[in-house]
Structures are given as C-alpha cells and as structure tokens.
Amino acid sequence: MERKLFTSLGGSNAIALHDRLSEIGFRRSHRLAHRPRCDECNECVPVRVRVQDFKTTRSMRRTLAANKGIEASVLPALASKEHFHLFQHYQLKRHRTGDMAKMKITDYKSMVEDTSVNTFLVEYRNSAEQLYAICLSDKLTDGLSLVYSFFDPDKKTSSLGTFLILWHIEKAREMGLQYIYLGHWVSSSKKMAYKRKFQPLEAYIRGHWSPL
C-alpha cells in the first residue's frame, strides 16, 4: 500500500513552487506535486543526472549512432489523436494490465495539457516522418524533468529509451541547465536499473542529494 504526500501546483507562484518542490524530491502529475511518504519504507528514491559532468559511455555512443536518423522537435504541450494512438498502442503492448492502458483520449489530453508550469512535448520522427516516440517534459530553473515518455513498440530501434534521455541531457547542456530529473529509482526494480547508467547520478536521501 503506497502512501503519498502531495500538494496543488496552482496560483501565481506555481512555477516557483514546482522548482522548489523538485529540489526536494517531488514529481509532477497534472497540477499536483507528489512524493512517496510511506511509514516503514524508503525504497522510492528521487534521482537526477548532473548534466555538466556527464560523459557518454561506449554503449551510449553506439545508441546515438544507431538512432542518428531520428530527429526531435520541441512542441507545445497539446494532445493530438496521432500521439494518443501511439500512447494507447504502447500501453497495450507494454503495460496491458496497468491503469494507464484504460485511459481514454480525454484522460490523455488531461495528462498532457493540464499543467500550470513550463511543460512541453518532444516528438521523435525519422526522415520519412514516421512517429517513433513522445516525451512529456517540464522545464525547471535548474534542469529538465522527464514526466512521461512512450514509443512505438513495433519499431526496430536500438535502446530508444536511452536515446530519449541522452537527447534531454544534451538539450539541458545547450540551455546551461544543471540537471535531468529522472523520477524515482527503486534498487530492487529491474525495470528501473537503466537509470544507474547515467552517471554522475544523484539520489535524494534523508533530505540531501548525494552521489548514487
């Protein structure tokens, strides 16, 4: 049973509040900021990548080379039928039993557009304009926060999830930002193990960001 602490991101100070809460491990969903607050468990750990000190590994350079035909476009946080169909296909193929697989287009529209902060979409297409992936992200004062991403599970790609994070790291570097916020990491979760690849990685533990 999960227990969360949450607050509304509303009013004229929503952006500043979002910045401050992100610095202490909160994540955004719609107009809410939240983080786990379980009585006897601290397994969900917020993590972020230190952008300016980040160096690609040989494996990451192979991923960049394998995906060099995919171009990214930054778009306003507006839902479209094409994006929703990709989202739905991804959920049914990868997370069929999850709650998000039941989402209708109105739910998806709310996830993308119901925001009171600096939110944008990144669209990834190949040279033939085929849609490969979408990433919903927030711009913070000190970094970029990846809110949610999804991709075409039928496309033959090489580590597309890693490619999306590498793109955001480079974008943050271009913008002079310090961090990429990757949400929560759980040490026992194999699905979250990929986050450890992005070094130097920091974790918010006991009120402080420390190297992980």
N, C-alpha and C. Protein backbone atom coordinates (compact mmCIF):
# COMPACT_ATOMS: atom_id res chain seq x y z
N MET A 1 0.85 -1.19 0.00
CA MET A 1 0.00 0.00 0.00
C MET A 1 0.89 1.24 0.00
N GLU A 2 0.73 2.07 -1.02
CA GLU A 2 1.57 3.26 -1.14
C GLU A 2 0.92 4.45 -0.45
N ARG A 3 1.74 5.26 0.20
CA ARG A 3 1.26 6.47 0.86
C ARG A 3 2.02 7.65 0.27
N LYS A 4 1.31 8.71 -0.10
CA LYS A 4 1.94 9.86 -0.76
C LYS A 4 1.64 11.16 -0.04
N LEU A 5 2.60 12.07 -0.15
CA LEU A 5 2.43 13.45 0.27
C LEU A 5 2.26 14.26 -1.00
N PHE A 6 1.22 15.10 -1.08
CA PHE A 6 1.02 15.86 -2.31
C PHE A 6 0.46 17.25 -2.02
N THR A 7 0.64 18.13 -2.99
CA THR A 7 0.13 19.49 -2.87
C THR A 7 -0.24 20.01 -4.25
N SER A 8 -1.09 21.00 -4.29
CA SER A 8 -1.53 21.57 -5.55
C SER A 8 -0.49 22.55 -6.09
N LEU A 9 -0.31 22.53 -7.41
CA LEU A 9 0.54 23.50 -8.09
C LEU A 9 -0.37 24.51 -8.78
N GLY A 10 -0.90 25.41 -8.01
CA GLY A 10 -1.82 26.39 -8.56
C GLY A 10 -1.42 27.79 -8.17
N GLY A 11 -2.11 28.77 -8.75
CA GLY A 11 -1.87 30.16 -8.39
C GLY A 11 -0.69 30.78 -9.12
N SER A 12 -0.39 32.00 -8.78
CA SER A 12 0.64 32.76 -9.47
C SER A 12 2.06 32.28 -9.19
N ASN A 13 2.24 31.51 -8.11
CA ASN A 13 3.58 31.04 -7.76
C ASN A 13 3.80 29.57 -8.12
N ALA A 14 2.98 29.03 -9.04
CA ALA A 14 3.05 27.60 -9.37
C ALA A 14 4.42 27.20 -9.89
N ILE A 15 5.02 28.02 -10.75
CA ILE A 15 6.31 27.68 -11.35
C ILE A 15 7.41 27.67 -10.29
N ALA A 16 7.44 28.70 -9.45
CA ALA A 16 8.44 28.77 -8.39
C ALA A 16 8.26 27.63 -7.39
N LEU A 17 7.01 27.29 -7.08
CA LEU A 17 6.73 26.20 -6.16
C LEU A 17 7.19 24.87 -6.76
N HIS A 18 6.92 24.68 -8.04
CA HIS A 18 7.35 23.46 -8.73
C HIS A 18 8.87 23.32 -8.69
N ASP A 19 9.58 24.41 -8.92
CA ASP A 19 11.05 24.41 -8.83
C ASP A 19 11.50 23.94 -7.45
N ARG A 20 10.95 24.56 -6.42
CA ARG A 20 11.39 24.26 -5.05
C ARG A 20 11.05 22.83 -4.67
N LEU A 21 9.86 22.36 -5.03
CA LEU A 21 9.47 21.01 -4.67
C LEU A 21 10.30 19.96 -5.42
N SER A 22 10.67 20.26 -6.66
CA SER A 22 11.52 19.34 -7.43
C SER A 22 12.88 19.18 -6.77
N GLU A 23 13.34 20.25 -6.14
CA GLU A 23 14.63 20.21 -5.46
C GLU A 23 14.62 19.32 -4.22
N ILE A 24 13.43 19.00 -3.72
CA ILE A 24 13.33 18.13 -2.54
C ILE A 24 12.57 16.84 -2.86
N GLY A 25 12.68 16.41 -4.11
CA GLY A 25 12.25 15.08 -4.47
C GLY A 25 10.82 14.89 -4.93
N PHE A 26 10.07 15.97 -5.17
CA PHE A 26 8.70 15.84 -5.65
C PHE A 26 8.66 15.64 -7.16
N ARG A 27 7.60 14.99 -7.63
CA ARG A 27 7.31 14.80 -9.05
C ARG A 27 5.98 15.47 -9.36
N ARG A 28 5.79 15.86 -10.64
CA ARG A 28 4.53 16.48 -11.04
C ARG A 28 3.65 15.52 -11.81
N SER A 29 2.34 15.58 -11.54
CA SER A 29 1.33 14.91 -12.33
C SER A 29 0.14 15.86 -12.42
N HIS A 30 -0.22 16.27 -13.64
CA HIS A 30 -1.26 17.28 -13.83
C HIS A 30 -0.87 18.55 -13.04
N ARG A 31 -1.75 19.01 -12.17
CA ARG A 31 -1.46 20.21 -11.37
C ARG A 31 -1.12 19.85 -9.92
N LEU A 32 -0.60 18.66 -9.72
CA LEU A 32 -0.21 18.20 -8.39
C LEU A 32 1.28 17.86 -8.36
N ALA A 33 1.91 18.13 -7.23
CA ALA A 33 3.27 17.66 -6.98
C ALA A 33 3.17 16.63 -5.87
N HIS A 34 3.92 15.53 -5.99
CA HIS A 34 3.78 14.44 -5.03
C HIS A 34 5.11 13.73 -4.82
N ARG A 35 5.23 13.06 -3.69
CA ARG A 35 6.35 12.16 -3.45
C ARG A 35 5.91 11.10 -2.45
N PRO A 36 6.53 9.93 -2.46
CA PRO A 36 6.16 8.86 -1.52
C PRO A 36 6.41 9.29 -0.07
N ARG A 37 5.54 8.85 0.82
CA ARG A 37 5.71 9.14 2.25
C ARG A 37 5.20 7.92 3.03
N CYS A 38 5.85 6.80 2.81
CA CYS A 38 5.45 5.57 3.48
C CYS A 38 6.12 5.49 4.86
N ASP A 39 5.40 4.96 5.83
CA ASP A 39 5.87 4.95 7.22
C ASP A 39 7.12 4.09 7.42
N GLU A 40 7.17 2.92 6.79
CA GLU A 40 8.26 1.98 7.06
C GLU A 40 9.03 1.61 5.80
N CYS A 41 9.01 2.44 4.79
CA CYS A 41 9.68 2.10 3.54
C CYS A 41 10.21 3.38 2.88
N ASN A 42 11.47 3.32 2.44
CA ASN A 42 12.09 4.44 1.73
C ASN A 42 12.71 3.97 0.42
N GLU A 43 12.07 2.99 -0.22
CA GLU A 43 12.64 2.39 -1.42
C GLU A 43 12.56 3.30 -2.65
N CYS A 44 11.54 4.14 -2.73
CA CYS A 44 11.37 5.03 -3.89
C CYS A 44 12.26 6.26 -3.69
N VAL A 45 13.35 6.33 -4.47
CA VAL A 45 14.35 7.38 -4.29
C VAL A 45 14.38 8.30 -5.52
N PRO A 46 14.13 9.61 -5.35
CA PRO A 46 14.24 10.54 -6.48
C PRO A 46 15.70 10.61 -6.97
N VAL A 47 15.88 10.62 -8.28
CA VAL A 47 17.24 10.68 -8.84
C VAL A 47 17.32 11.75 -9.94
N ARG A 48 18.54 12.27 -10.12
CA ARG A 48 18.79 13.25 -11.17
C ARG A 48 20.22 13.09 -11.68
N VAL A 49 20.43 13.45 -12.95
CA VAL A 49 21.75 13.37 -13.58
C VAL A 49 22.41 14.74 -13.54
N ARG A 50 23.68 14.79 -13.15
CA ARG A 50 24.45 16.04 -13.21
C ARG A 50 24.93 16.24 -14.65
N VAL A 51 24.29 17.15 -15.34
CA VAL A 51 24.47 17.31 -16.78
C VAL A 51 25.89 17.70 -17.17
N GLN A 52 26.44 18.71 -16.54
CA GLN A 52 27.72 19.25 -16.97
C GLN A 52 28.87 18.25 -16.76
N ASP A 53 28.72 17.30 -15.85
CA ASP A 53 29.75 16.30 -15.59
C ASP A 53 29.49 14.98 -16.31
N PHE A 54 28.39 14.91 -17.02
CA PHE A 54 28.01 13.65 -17.66
C PHE A 54 28.88 13.36 -18.88
N LYS A 55 29.28 12.10 -19.02
CA LYS A 55 30.04 11.66 -20.19
C LYS A 55 29.41 10.38 -20.73
N THR A 56 29.24 10.33 -22.02
CA THR A 56 28.63 9.15 -22.65
C THR A 56 29.58 7.96 -22.58
N THR A 57 29.03 6.79 -22.40
CA THR A 57 29.81 5.55 -22.42
C THR A 57 29.90 5.05 -23.87
N ARG A 58 30.71 4.05 -24.08
CA ARG A 58 30.83 3.47 -25.43
C ARG A 58 29.48 2.93 -25.90
N SER A 59 28.75 2.29 -24.99
CA SER A 59 27.43 1.76 -25.33
C SER A 59 26.46 2.88 -25.72
N MET A 60 26.52 4.01 -25.00
CA MET A 60 25.65 5.14 -25.31
C MET A 60 25.99 5.76 -26.66
N ARG A 61 27.27 5.79 -26.98
CA ARG A 61 27.67 6.33 -28.29
C ARG A 61 27.17 5.43 -29.41
N ARG A 62 27.13 4.13 -29.17
CA ARG A 62 26.55 3.21 -30.16
C ARG A 62 25.06 3.47 -30.32
N THR A 63 24.39 3.75 -29.19
CA THR A 63 22.95 4.05 -29.23
C THR A 63 22.69 5.32 -30.04
N LEU A 64 23.50 6.35 -29.83
CA LEU A 64 23.34 7.60 -30.59
C LEU A 64 23.55 7.36 -32.08
N ALA A 65 24.54 6.55 -32.41
CA ALA A 65 24.82 6.26 -33.82
C ALA A 65 23.68 5.47 -34.45
N ALA A 66 23.13 4.52 -33.69
CA ALA A 66 22.06 3.68 -34.21
C ALA A 66 20.77 4.46 -34.44
N ASN A 67 20.60 5.56 -33.70
CA ASN A 67 19.37 6.36 -33.81
C ASN A 67 19.60 7.71 -34.51
N LYS A 68 20.68 7.82 -35.26
CA LYS A 68 21.01 9.11 -35.87
C LYS A 68 20.00 9.57 -36.90
N GLY A 69 19.16 8.66 -37.39
CA GLY A 69 18.14 9.04 -38.36
C GLY A 69 16.87 9.59 -37.73
N ILE A 70 16.82 9.63 -36.40
CA ILE A 70 15.63 10.12 -35.70
C ILE A 70 15.85 11.57 -35.28
N GLU A 71 14.94 12.44 -35.68
CA GLU A 71 15.02 13.86 -35.36
C GLU A 71 13.99 14.23 -34.30
N ALA A 72 14.38 15.14 -33.42
CA ALA A 72 13.49 15.59 -32.34
C ALA A 72 12.95 16.98 -32.61
N SER A 73 11.69 17.21 -32.29
CA SER A 73 11.06 18.52 -32.41
C SER A 73 10.40 18.87 -31.09
N VAL A 74 10.65 20.07 -30.60
CA VAL A 74 10.03 20.54 -29.35
C VAL A 74 8.71 21.22 -29.70
N LEU A 75 7.63 20.77 -29.06
CA LEU A 75 6.28 21.24 -29.38
C LEU A 75 5.58 21.72 -28.10
N PRO A 76 4.54 22.55 -28.25
CA PRO A 76 3.72 22.91 -27.09
C PRO A 76 3.05 21.67 -26.50
N ALA A 77 2.68 21.73 -25.25
CA ALA A 77 2.04 20.60 -24.57
C ALA A 77 0.56 20.53 -24.97
N LEU A 78 0.34 20.03 -26.18
CA LEU A 78 -1.00 19.88 -26.73
C LEU A 78 -1.18 18.45 -27.21
N ALA A 79 -2.28 17.83 -26.83
CA ALA A 79 -2.55 16.45 -27.22
C ALA A 79 -3.02 16.38 -28.67
N SER A 80 -2.74 15.26 -29.33
CA SER A 80 -3.23 15.02 -30.69
C SER A 80 -3.68 13.57 -30.80
N LYS A 81 -4.53 13.29 -31.77
CA LYS A 81 -5.01 11.93 -31.97
C LYS A 81 -3.86 11.00 -32.34
N GLU A 82 -2.93 11.49 -33.16
CA GLU A 82 -1.79 10.67 -33.55
C GLU A 82 -0.96 10.27 -32.33
N HIS A 83 -0.69 11.22 -31.46
CA HIS A 83 0.08 10.94 -30.24
C HIS A 83 -0.67 9.98 -29.34
N PHE A 84 -1.99 10.18 -29.20
CA PHE A 84 -2.78 9.31 -28.34
C PHE A 84 -2.79 7.87 -28.86
N HIS A 85 -2.90 7.70 -30.17
CA HIS A 85 -2.90 6.35 -30.74
C HIS A 85 -1.58 5.64 -30.46
N LEU A 86 -0.47 6.38 -30.52
CA LEU A 86 0.82 5.79 -30.19
C LEU A 86 0.88 5.44 -28.69
N PHE A 87 0.39 6.34 -27.86
CA PHE A 87 0.33 6.12 -26.42
C PHE A 87 -0.48 4.86 -26.10
N GLN A 88 -1.63 4.73 -26.73
CA GLN A 88 -2.52 3.59 -26.49
C GLN A 88 -1.86 2.29 -26.94
N HIS A 89 -1.21 2.32 -28.11
CA HIS A 89 -0.53 1.14 -28.63
C HIS A 89 0.60 0.71 -27.71
N TYR A 90 1.35 1.68 -27.21
CA TYR A 90 2.44 1.41 -26.28
C TYR A 90 1.92 0.76 -24.99
N GLN A 91 0.85 1.33 -24.44
CA GLN A 91 0.31 0.79 -23.20
C GLN A 91 -0.19 -0.64 -23.38
N LEU A 92 -0.89 -0.92 -24.46
CA LEU A 92 -1.46 -2.25 -24.69
C LEU A 92 -0.38 -3.29 -24.95
N LYS A 93 0.75 -2.85 -25.52
CA LYS A 93 1.84 -3.78 -25.79
C LYS A 93 2.75 -3.98 -24.59
N ARG A 94 3.01 -2.92 -23.82
CA ARG A 94 3.99 -2.98 -22.74
C ARG A 94 3.39 -3.01 -21.33
N HIS A 95 2.21 -2.43 -21.15
CA HIS A 95 1.63 -2.32 -19.80
C HIS A 95 0.13 -2.62 -19.83
N ARG A 96 -0.23 -3.72 -20.45
CA ARG A 96 -1.63 -4.04 -20.69
C ARG A 96 -2.46 -4.09 -19.40
N THR A 97 -1.86 -4.55 -18.30
CA THR A 97 -2.63 -4.70 -17.06
C THR A 97 -2.58 -3.45 -16.18
N GLY A 98 -1.87 -2.41 -16.62
CA GLY A 98 -1.76 -1.19 -15.83
C GLY A 98 -2.96 -0.28 -16.01
N ASP A 99 -3.11 0.67 -15.09
CA ASP A 99 -4.23 1.61 -15.14
C ASP A 99 -4.18 2.50 -16.38
N MET A 100 -2.96 2.83 -16.84
CA MET A 100 -2.85 3.76 -17.97
C MET A 100 -3.35 3.14 -19.28
N ALA A 101 -3.39 1.81 -19.34
CA ALA A 101 -3.91 1.14 -20.53
C ALA A 101 -5.40 1.39 -20.70
N LYS A 102 -6.07 1.82 -19.62
CA LYS A 102 -7.51 2.07 -19.67
C LYS A 102 -7.84 3.52 -20.02
N MET A 103 -6.83 4.34 -20.17
CA MET A 103 -7.06 5.77 -20.41
C MET A 103 -7.71 6.03 -21.76
N LYS A 104 -8.68 6.94 -21.76
CA LYS A 104 -9.33 7.41 -22.99
C LYS A 104 -8.60 8.66 -23.48
N ILE A 105 -8.98 9.14 -24.64
CA ILE A 105 -8.29 10.31 -25.20
C ILE A 105 -8.48 11.54 -24.31
N THR A 106 -9.61 11.63 -23.62
CA THR A 106 -9.82 12.76 -22.70
C THR A 106 -8.84 12.69 -21.52
N ASP A 107 -8.56 11.46 -21.05
CA ASP A 107 -7.59 11.28 -19.96
C ASP A 107 -6.19 11.66 -20.43
N TYR A 108 -5.86 11.23 -21.66
CA TYR A 108 -4.54 11.55 -22.21
C TYR A 108 -4.39 13.06 -22.39
N LYS A 109 -5.44 13.69 -22.89
CA LYS A 109 -5.41 15.14 -23.08
C LYS A 109 -5.17 15.85 -21.76
N SER A 110 -5.80 15.37 -20.70
CA SER A 110 -5.61 15.96 -19.39
C SER A 110 -4.18 15.77 -18.90
N MET A 111 -3.61 14.58 -19.12
CA MET A 111 -2.24 14.32 -18.69
C MET A 111 -1.26 15.28 -19.35
N VAL A 112 -1.48 15.58 -20.63
CA VAL A 112 -0.57 16.44 -21.38
C VAL A 112 -0.82 17.92 -21.12
N GLU A 113 -2.08 18.33 -21.13
CA GLU A 113 -2.41 19.75 -21.16
C GLU A 113 -2.74 20.35 -19.80
N ASP A 114 -3.10 19.52 -18.83
CA ASP A 114 -3.47 20.05 -17.51
C ASP A 114 -2.20 20.34 -16.70
N THR A 115 -1.60 21.49 -16.95
CA THR A 115 -0.35 21.85 -16.31
C THR A 115 -0.36 23.35 -16.01
N SER A 116 0.26 23.71 -14.91
CA SER A 116 0.36 25.12 -14.53
C SER A 116 1.82 25.58 -14.54
N VAL A 117 2.71 24.75 -15.14
CA VAL A 117 4.14 25.06 -15.17
C VAL A 117 4.64 25.04 -16.62
N ASN A 118 5.96 25.11 -16.79
CA ASN A 118 6.54 25.16 -18.14
C ASN A 118 6.70 23.75 -18.70
N THR A 119 5.67 23.28 -19.35
CA THR A 119 5.62 21.92 -19.88
C THR A 119 5.70 21.94 -21.40
N PHE A 120 6.38 20.95 -21.98
CA PHE A 120 6.47 20.85 -23.43
C PHE A 120 6.52 19.38 -23.85
N LEU A 121 6.29 19.13 -25.12
CA LEU A 121 6.40 17.79 -25.70
C LEU A 121 7.62 17.74 -26.60
N VAL A 122 8.28 16.59 -26.63
CA VAL A 122 9.32 16.34 -27.62
C VAL A 122 8.84 15.19 -28.49
N GLU A 123 8.80 15.45 -29.79
CA GLU A 123 8.32 14.47 -30.76
C GLU A 123 9.52 13.93 -31.54
N TYR A 124 9.61 12.62 -31.68
CA TYR A 124 10.74 11.99 -32.37
C TYR A 124 10.23 11.27 -33.63
N ARG A 125 10.75 11.68 -34.78
CA ARG A 125 10.36 11.10 -36.07
C ARG A 125 11.61 10.76 -36.89
N ASN A 126 11.43 9.83 -37.84
CA ASN A 126 12.52 9.54 -38.77
C ASN A 126 12.37 10.41 -40.02
N SER A 127 13.24 10.22 -40.99
CA SER A 127 13.25 11.07 -42.19
C SER A 127 11.98 10.91 -43.03
N ALA A 128 11.27 9.80 -42.84
CA ALA A 128 10.01 9.57 -43.55
C ALA A 128 8.82 10.11 -42.77
N GLU A 129 9.08 10.86 -41.70
CA GLU A 129 8.06 11.46 -40.84
C GLU A 129 7.25 10.44 -40.06
N GLN A 130 7.79 9.25 -39.89
CA GLN A 130 7.13 8.25 -39.06
C GLN A 130 7.37 8.60 -37.59
N LEU A 131 6.31 8.54 -36.80
CA LEU A 131 6.40 8.88 -35.39
C LEU A 131 6.98 7.70 -34.60
N TYR A 132 8.07 7.95 -33.89
CA TYR A 132 8.74 6.91 -33.10
C TYR A 132 8.46 7.04 -31.61
N ALA A 133 8.46 8.26 -31.09
CA ALA A 133 8.34 8.42 -29.64
C ALA A 133 7.86 9.82 -29.28
N ILE A 134 7.36 9.93 -28.05
CA ILE A 134 6.94 11.20 -27.47
C ILE A 134 7.46 11.27 -26.05
N CYS A 135 7.91 12.44 -25.64
CA CYS A 135 8.30 12.64 -24.24
C CYS A 135 7.65 13.92 -23.73
N LEU A 136 6.94 13.80 -22.62
CA LEU A 136 6.34 14.94 -21.94
C LEU A 136 7.33 15.40 -20.87
N SER A 137 7.75 16.65 -20.93
CA SER A 137 8.80 17.14 -20.05
C SER A 137 8.46 18.51 -19.47
N ASP A 138 9.08 18.81 -18.34
CA ASP A 138 8.94 20.12 -17.69
C ASP A 138 10.29 20.82 -17.68
N LYS A 139 10.26 22.13 -17.88
CA LYS A 139 11.46 22.93 -17.72
C LYS A 139 11.47 23.55 -16.33
N LEU A 140 12.54 23.29 -15.59
CA LEU A 140 12.74 23.87 -14.27
C LEU A 140 13.84 24.92 -14.35
N THR A 141 14.00 25.69 -13.31
CA THR A 141 15.06 26.69 -13.30
C THR A 141 16.43 26.05 -13.40
N ASP A 142 16.60 24.86 -12.78
CA ASP A 142 17.91 24.22 -12.77
C ASP A 142 18.01 22.99 -13.65
N GLY A 143 16.96 22.65 -14.39
CA GLY A 143 17.06 21.45 -15.22
C GLY A 143 15.80 21.13 -16.00
N LEU A 144 15.78 19.93 -16.55
CA LEU A 144 14.62 19.39 -17.26
C LEU A 144 14.14 18.15 -16.52
N SER A 145 12.84 18.02 -16.39
CA SER A 145 12.25 16.88 -15.71
C SER A 145 11.44 16.05 -16.71
N LEU A 146 11.81 14.78 -16.86
CA LEU A 146 11.08 13.90 -17.76
C LEU A 146 9.84 13.37 -17.03
N VAL A 147 8.67 13.81 -17.47
CA VAL A 147 7.43 13.45 -16.79
C VAL A 147 6.95 12.08 -17.23
N TYR A 148 6.87 11.88 -18.56
CA TYR A 148 6.43 10.58 -19.09
C TYR A 148 6.85 10.47 -20.54
N SER A 149 7.30 9.28 -20.93
CA SER A 149 7.67 9.03 -22.33
C SER A 149 7.07 7.71 -22.79
N PHE A 150 6.85 7.61 -24.08
CA PHE A 150 6.36 6.36 -24.68
C PHE A 150 6.82 6.31 -26.13
N PHE A 151 6.83 5.11 -26.69
CA PHE A 151 7.37 4.92 -28.04
C PHE A 151 6.63 3.80 -28.75
N ASP A 152 6.92 3.66 -30.03
CA ASP A 152 6.28 2.62 -30.84
C ASP A 152 6.98 1.29 -30.55
N PRO A 153 6.32 0.36 -29.90
CA PRO A 153 6.98 -0.91 -29.53
C PRO A 153 7.25 -1.81 -30.72
N ASP A 154 6.66 -1.49 -31.88
CA ASP A 154 6.85 -2.32 -33.07
C ASP A 154 8.04 -1.86 -33.93
N LYS A 155 8.55 -0.65 -33.64
CA LYS A 155 9.67 -0.15 -34.43
C LYS A 155 10.97 -0.85 -34.00
N LYS A 156 11.77 -1.18 -34.99
CA LYS A 156 13.07 -1.81 -34.71
C LYS A 156 14.08 -0.70 -34.44
N THR A 157 14.29 -0.45 -33.17
CA THR A 157 15.20 0.61 -32.76
C THR A 157 16.22 0.06 -31.77
N SER A 158 17.23 0.83 -31.51
CA SER A 158 18.27 0.44 -30.58
C SER A 158 18.21 1.32 -29.34
N SER A 159 17.70 0.76 -28.23
CA SER A 159 17.67 1.46 -26.94
C SER A 159 17.07 2.85 -27.07
N LEU A 160 15.84 2.92 -27.56
CA LEU A 160 15.20 4.21 -27.79
C LEU A 160 15.00 4.98 -26.49
N GLY A 161 14.72 4.28 -25.38
CA GLY A 161 14.56 4.95 -24.09
C GLY A 161 15.84 5.66 -23.67
N THR A 162 16.97 5.00 -23.86
CA THR A 162 18.27 5.62 -23.56
C THR A 162 18.50 6.83 -24.46
N PHE A 163 18.14 6.70 -25.72
CA PHE A 163 18.30 7.80 -26.68
C PHE A 163 17.52 9.03 -26.24
N LEU A 164 16.30 8.86 -25.75
CA LEU A 164 15.49 9.99 -25.29
C LEU A 164 16.15 10.72 -24.13
N ILE A 165 16.71 9.96 -23.20
CA ILE A 165 17.39 10.60 -22.05
C ILE A 165 18.65 11.32 -22.51
N LEU A 166 19.42 10.70 -23.40
CA LEU A 166 20.63 11.33 -23.92
C LEU A 166 20.29 12.63 -24.64
N TRP A 167 19.17 12.65 -25.37
CA TRP A 167 18.75 13.87 -26.06
C TRP A 167 18.46 14.97 -25.04
N HIS A 168 17.77 14.63 -23.97
CA HIS A 168 17.44 15.63 -22.94
C HIS A 168 18.70 16.13 -22.23
N ILE A 169 19.66 15.25 -22.01
CA ILE A 169 20.91 15.68 -21.38
C ILE A 169 21.62 16.70 -22.27
N GLU A 170 21.69 16.43 -23.55
CA GLU A 170 22.35 17.36 -24.46
C GLU A 170 21.57 18.67 -24.57
N LYS A 171 20.25 18.58 -24.56
CA LYS A 171 19.42 19.79 -24.62
C LYS A 171 19.64 20.64 -23.38
N ALA A 172 19.67 20.01 -22.22
CA ALA A 172 19.91 20.74 -20.97
C ALA A 172 21.29 21.39 -20.98
N ARG A 173 22.26 20.70 -21.53
CA ARG A 173 23.61 21.24 -21.62
C ARG A 173 23.63 22.49 -22.50
N GLU A 174 22.93 22.43 -23.61
CA GLU A 174 22.83 23.58 -24.52
C GLU A 174 22.18 24.77 -23.83
N MET A 175 21.22 24.50 -22.95
CA MET A 175 20.47 25.55 -22.25
C MET A 175 21.18 26.03 -20.99
N GLY A 176 22.32 25.42 -20.67
CA GLY A 176 23.06 25.81 -19.48
C GLY A 176 22.43 25.35 -18.18
N LEU A 177 21.64 24.27 -18.24
CA LEU A 177 20.96 23.75 -17.06
C LEU A 177 21.82 22.69 -16.37
N GLN A 178 21.57 22.45 -15.09
CA GLN A 178 22.42 21.59 -14.29
C GLN A 178 22.00 20.13 -14.23
N TYR A 179 20.68 19.87 -14.32
CA TYR A 179 20.21 18.52 -14.02
C TYR A 179 19.16 18.01 -15.01
N ILE A 180 19.09 16.68 -15.08
CA ILE A 180 17.97 15.98 -15.70
C ILE A 180 17.32 15.15 -14.60
N TYR A 181 16.08 15.44 -14.29
CA TYR A 181 15.35 14.71 -13.25
C TYR A 181 14.66 13.49 -13.89
N LEU A 182 14.98 12.29 -13.36
CA LEU A 182 14.50 11.04 -13.95
C LEU A 182 13.43 10.36 -13.11
N GLY A 183 12.84 11.07 -12.17
CA GLY A 183 11.80 10.46 -11.36
C GLY A 183 12.39 9.59 -10.26
N HIS A 184 11.69 8.53 -9.91
CA HIS A 184 12.12 7.69 -8.79
C HIS A 184 12.87 6.45 -9.28
N TRP A 185 13.77 6.00 -8.43
CA TRP A 185 14.54 4.77 -8.67
C TRP A 185 14.33 3.86 -7.47
N VAL A 186 14.12 2.57 -7.75
CA VAL A 186 13.97 1.56 -6.71
C VAL A 186 15.05 0.51 -6.93
N SER A 187 15.89 0.29 -5.95
CA SER A 187 17.06 -0.58 -6.13
C SER A 187 16.70 -1.99 -6.55
N SER A 188 15.56 -2.50 -6.10
CA SER A 188 15.18 -3.88 -6.41
C SER A 188 14.41 -4.03 -7.73
N SER A 189 14.16 -2.90 -8.39
CA SER A 189 13.37 -2.94 -9.63
C SER A 189 14.27 -3.08 -10.85
N LYS A 190 14.13 -4.18 -11.58
CA LYS A 190 14.90 -4.38 -12.80
C LYS A 190 14.51 -3.37 -13.88
N LYS A 191 13.24 -2.96 -13.89
CA LYS A 191 12.78 -2.00 -14.89
C LYS A 191 13.41 -0.63 -14.70
N MET A 192 13.85 -0.32 -13.48
CA MET A 192 14.44 0.99 -13.21
C MET A 192 15.97 0.95 -13.19
N ALA A 193 16.55 -0.21 -13.41
CA ALA A 193 18.01 -0.37 -13.32
C ALA A 193 18.74 0.51 -14.33
N TYR A 194 18.10 0.80 -15.46
CA TYR A 194 18.76 1.60 -16.52
C TYR A 194 19.18 2.97 -16.03
N LYS A 195 18.52 3.51 -15.02
CA LYS A 195 18.83 4.87 -14.56
C LYS A 195 20.24 4.95 -13.97
N ARG A 196 20.75 3.83 -13.45
CA ARG A 196 22.09 3.82 -12.88
C ARG A 196 23.18 4.04 -13.94
N LYS A 197 22.82 3.86 -15.21
CA LYS A 197 23.81 4.02 -16.29
C LYS A 197 24.23 5.47 -16.48
N PHE A 198 23.37 6.39 -16.09
CA PHE A 198 23.59 7.81 -16.38
C PHE A 198 24.33 8.47 -15.22
N GLN A 199 25.64 8.42 -15.30
CA GLN A 199 26.50 8.94 -14.23
C GLN A 199 27.18 10.25 -14.64
N PRO A 200 27.41 11.17 -13.68
CA PRO A 200 27.10 11.03 -12.26
C PRO A 200 25.62 11.22 -11.96
N LEU A 201 25.08 10.30 -11.17
CA LEU A 201 23.68 10.29 -10.78
C LEU A 201 23.60 10.62 -9.29
N GLU A 202 22.64 11.48 -8.95
CA GLU A 202 22.42 11.84 -7.55
C GLU A 202 21.07 11.34 -7.08
N ALA A 203 20.98 10.97 -5.81
CA ALA A 203 19.74 10.50 -5.20
C ALA A 203 19.39 11.38 -4.01
N TYR A 204 18.10 11.66 -3.85
CA TYR A 204 17.65 12.47 -2.72
C TYR A 204 17.31 11.54 -1.56
N ILE A 205 18.23 11.48 -0.58
CA ILE A 205 18.09 10.56 0.54
C ILE A 205 18.28 11.33 1.85
N ARG A 206 17.32 11.17 2.74
CA ARG A 206 17.37 11.80 4.06
C ARG A 206 17.62 13.32 3.97
N GLY A 207 16.92 13.94 3.03
CA GLY A 207 16.95 15.40 2.94
C GLY A 207 18.12 15.99 2.19
N HIS A 208 18.93 15.14 1.52
CA HIS A 208 20.08 15.66 0.78
C HIS A 208 20.27 14.91 -0.54
N TRP A 209 20.80 15.62 -1.55
CA TRP A 209 21.19 14.98 -2.80
C TRP A 209 22.61 14.44 -2.62
N SER A 210 22.78 13.14 -2.86
CA SER A 210 24.09 12.50 -2.69
C SER A 210 24.38 11.63 -3.90
N PRO A 211 25.67 11.40 -4.22
CA PRO A 211 26.03 10.54 -5.35
C PRO A 211 25.46 9.13 -5.16
N LEU A 212 24.95 8.58 -6.25
CA LEU A 212 24.41 7.21 -6.22
C LEU A 212 25.34 6.34 -7.07
